[in-house]
């Protein structure tokens, strides 16, 4: 049970209701996911949504790379909501069952393609040490170029912010689960 009730139009200040209506027409509607938490501050949500749309749907990175970045971030932040919202999408985008299951269960990872290694290593190193090694940086730069490297970093940072909100209010899991839950 989330620690914040689902925000409603009536719960926000009257002068922010038009903004609330605008953001509620966007990702997740009023919904119950991490984006819905941001709607407790309608103006902040309004400003965050364009970045969300870009890193989530329009980035120069492949769908497979984006989904792996989201899963790596969810795992590093022990965020069951984001993990379960993206695990099936990651598999559909081409992530192997062996990789997804090992990442979920914190087991040794199978042999990774270079793009997968770049994503997992960037996330793991940054979320563990708050830095990225030169070797990992160089691999990501070679594979994704400067634009892709910055987009990957920003995507992980954005999803870390969503994970922080989801975990802070204890969103738990999405309503429909098709995969085993994230052990935390």
Protein backbone atom coordinates (compact mmCIF):
# COMPACT_ATOMS: atom_id res chain seq x y z
CA UNK A 1 0.00 0.00 0.00
CA UNK A 2 1.60 3.29 -1.06
CA UNK A 3 2.37 5.75 1.71
CA UNK A 4 0.91 8.62 -0.31
CA UNK A 5 -2.63 8.38 -1.58
CA UNK A 6 -3.11 8.67 -5.32
CA UNK A 7 -3.16 12.37 -6.11
CA UNK A 8 -6.44 13.75 -7.35
CA UNK A 9 -7.30 16.98 -9.11
CA UNK A 10 -9.12 18.17 -5.99
CA UNK A 11 -6.05 17.56 -3.82
CA UNK A 12 -3.84 20.06 -5.66
CA UNK A 13 -4.02 23.80 -5.22
CA UNK A 14 -6.63 25.40 -7.42
CA UNK A 15 -4.05 27.48 -9.28
CA UNK A 16 -2.27 24.24 -10.27
CA UNK A 17 -5.31 22.31 -11.48
CA UNK A 18 -4.86 23.28 -15.12
CA UNK A 19 -1.26 22.01 -14.94
CA UNK A 20 -2.49 18.86 -13.17
CA UNK A 21 -4.96 18.29 -16.03
CA UNK A 22 -2.16 18.77 -18.56
CA UNK A 23 0.21 16.29 -16.91
CA UNK A 24 -2.58 13.81 -16.24
CA UNK A 25 -3.13 13.64 -19.98
CA UNK A 26 0.50 12.51 -20.36
CA UNK A 27 2.46 9.38 -19.35
CA UNK A 28 0.52 7.20 -16.95
CA UNK A 29 -2.54 9.45 -16.78
CA UNK A 30 -3.32 9.98 -13.12
CA UNK A 31 -2.16 6.36 -12.71
CA UNK A 32 -0.34 4.69 -9.88
CA UNK A 33 3.25 4.44 -11.13
CA UNK A 34 6.33 6.54 -10.37
CA UNK A 35 5.23 9.30 -12.75
CA UNK A 36 2.01 9.59 -10.73
CA UNK A 37 4.05 10.38 -7.63
CA UNK A 38 5.55 13.39 -9.41
CA UNK A 39 2.04 14.69 -10.07
CA UNK A 40 1.81 15.64 -6.40
CA UNK A 41 3.84 18.61 -7.66
CA UNK A 42 2.08 19.30 -10.96
CA UNK A 43 4.52 21.95 -12.16
CA UNK A 44 7.50 19.69 -11.45
CA UNK A 45 5.78 16.84 -13.30
CA UNK A 46 5.05 19.14 -16.24
CA UNK A 47 8.73 19.98 -16.49
CA UNK A 48 9.87 16.36 -16.06
CA UNK A 49 7.59 14.78 -18.67
CA UNK A 50 9.41 16.01 -21.81
CA UNK A 51 12.69 14.55 -20.53
CA UNK A 52 10.89 11.32 -19.63
CA UNK A 53 9.43 11.09 -23.13
CA UNK A 54 12.81 11.69 -24.72
CA UNK A 55 14.95 9.29 -22.69
CA UNK A 56 12.24 6.61 -22.60
CA UNK A 57 10.97 6.73 -26.18
CA UNK A 58 13.02 8.97 -28.47
CA UNK A 59 16.66 8.55 -27.49
CA UNK A 60 19.25 7.59 -30.10
CA UNK A 61 19.87 4.41 -28.09
CA UNK A 62 18.23 1.17 -29.20
CA UNK A 63 15.18 -0.09 -27.34
CA UNK A 64 17.23 -3.04 -26.06
CA UNK A 65 19.88 -0.71 -24.60
CA UNK A 66 17.25 1.57 -23.04
CA UNK A 67 15.39 -1.33 -21.43
CA UNK A 68 18.63 -2.81 -20.09
CA UNK A 69 19.54 0.59 -18.64
CA UNK A 70 16.14 0.77 -16.92
CA UNK A 71 16.47 -2.77 -15.55
CA UNK A 72 20.05 -2.16 -14.38
CA UNK A 73 18.87 0.99 -12.61
CA UNK A 74 15.86 -0.76 -11.08
CA UNK A 75 18.07 -3.60 -9.82
CA UNK A 76 20.73 -1.22 -8.43
CA UNK A 77 18.03 0.73 -6.59
CA UNK A 78 16.02 -2.35 -5.51
CA UNK A 79 12.92 -0.92 -7.18
CA UNK A 80 10.31 -3.63 -7.71
CA UNK A 81 7.89 -1.32 -9.50
CA UNK A 82 10.27 -0.25 -12.27
CA UNK A 83 11.75 -3.75 -12.57
CA UNK A 84 8.35 -5.36 -13.04
CA UNK A 85 7.13 -2.62 -15.36
CA UNK A 86 10.12 -3.17 -17.69
CA UNK A 87 11.25 -6.78 -17.43
CA UNK A 88 8.88 -8.15 -20.09
CA UNK A 89 9.65 -5.14 -22.32
CA UNK A 90 13.35 -5.90 -21.95
CA UNK A 91 12.86 -9.50 -23.02
CA UNK A 92 10.73 -8.33 -25.97
CA UNK A 93 13.49 -5.90 -26.96
CA UNK A 94 15.99 -8.76 -27.21
CA UNK A 95 17.51 -9.20 -23.75
CA UNK A 96 18.20 -12.87 -23.07
CA UNK A 97 16.41 -14.75 -20.32
CA UNK A 98 19.82 -15.65 -18.86
CA UNK A 99 20.85 -12.00 -18.58
CA UNK A 100 17.53 -10.79 -17.16
CA UNK A 101 17.26 -13.63 -14.63
CA UNK A 102 20.89 -13.26 -13.49
CA UNK A 103 20.52 -9.49 -13.11
CA UNK A 104 17.28 -9.97 -11.13
CA UNK A 105 18.78 -12.58 -8.82
CA UNK A 106 22.21 -10.90 -8.47
CA UNK A 107 23.93 -13.95 -9.92
CA UNK A 108 27.00 -13.88 -12.15
CA UNK A 109 25.99 -12.58 -15.54
CA UNK A 110 26.30 -14.63 -18.73
CA UNK A 111 28.68 -13.53 -21.44
CA UNK A 112 27.43 -10.14 -22.60
CA UNK A 113 27.49 -8.46 -25.97
CA UNK A 114 29.58 -5.29 -25.94
CA UNK A 115 26.55 -2.98 -25.80
CA UNK A 116 25.09 -4.95 -22.89
CA UNK A 117 28.41 -4.91 -21.03
CA UNK A 118 28.72 -1.16 -21.50
CA UNK A 119 25.25 -0.56 -20.04
CA UNK A 120 25.53 -2.98 -17.12
CA UNK A 121 29.06 -1.87 -16.24
CA UNK A 122 28.16 1.83 -16.37
CA UNK A 123 25.18 1.32 -14.11
CA UNK A 124 26.85 -1.09 -11.74
CA UNK A 125 29.98 1.04 -11.37
CA UNK A 126 28.14 4.31 -10.98
CA UNK A 127 25.51 3.08 -8.53
CA UNK A 128 28.19 1.28 -6.49
CA UNK A 129 31.09 3.76 -6.53
CA UNK A 130 29.49 6.96 -7.91
CA UNK A 131 32.11 6.88 -10.66
CA UNK A 132 32.64 5.09 -13.98
CA UNK A 133 36.02 3.56 -14.82
CA UNK A 134 37.92 4.80 -17.86
CA UNK A 135 37.58 1.38 -19.51
CA UNK A 136 33.80 1.37 -19.13
CA UNK A 137 33.53 4.99 -20.24
CA UNK A 138 35.67 4.31 -23.32
CA UNK A 139 33.58 1.27 -24.30
CA UNK A 140 30.31 3.20 -23.97
CA UNK A 141 31.76 6.14 -25.89
CA UNK A 142 33.00 3.87 -28.68
CA UNK A 143 29.67 2.03 -28.96
CA UNK A 144 27.18 4.86 -28.45
CA UNK A 145 29.14 8.02 -29.32
CA UNK A 146 29.04 11.18 -27.21
CA UNK A 147 25.29 11.68 -27.69
CA UNK A 148 24.42 8.10 -26.78
CA UNK A 149 26.75 8.09 -23.78
CA UNK A 150 25.10 11.24 -22.39
CA UNK A 151 21.64 9.86 -23.14
CA UNK A 152 22.48 6.57 -21.40
CA UNK A 153 23.78 8.41 -18.35
CA UNK A 154 20.74 10.68 -18.25
CA UNK A 155 18.33 7.76 -18.74
CA UNK A 156 19.84 5.95 -15.75
CA UNK A 157 19.77 9.13 -13.68
CA UNK A 158 16.13 9.79 -14.58
CA UNK A 159 15.10 6.24 -13.72
CA UNK A 160 17.07 6.47 -10.46
CA UNK A 161 14.92 9.51 -9.62
CA UNK A 162 11.77 7.54 -10.47
CA UNK A 163 13.03 4.62 -8.36
CA UNK A 164 13.71 6.96 -5.46
CA UNK A 165 10.12 8.23 -5.63
CA UNK A 166 8.62 4.75 -6.10
CA UNK A 167 10.60 3.34 -3.18
CA UNK A 168 10.04 6.37 -0.93
CA UNK A 169 6.27 6.10 -1.21
CA UNK A 170 6.39 2.28 -1.29
CA UNK A 171 4.62 1.77 -4.61
CA UNK A 172 5.38 -1.94 -4.47
CA UNK A 173 4.44 -3.72 -7.69
CA UNK A 174 2.37 -2.92 -10.75
CA UNK A 175 -1.09 -4.49 -10.72
CA UNK A 176 -0.45 -7.10 -13.40
CA UNK A 177 2.65 -9.23 -13.00
CA UNK A 178 3.88 -11.51 -15.73
CA UNK A 179 7.33 -12.16 -14.27
CA UNK A 180 8.79 -13.24 -10.94
CA UNK A 181 9.13 -10.30 -8.57
CA UNK A 182 12.40 -8.53 -7.87
CA UNK A 183 13.93 -9.92 -4.68
CA UNK A 184 14.85 -7.01 -2.40
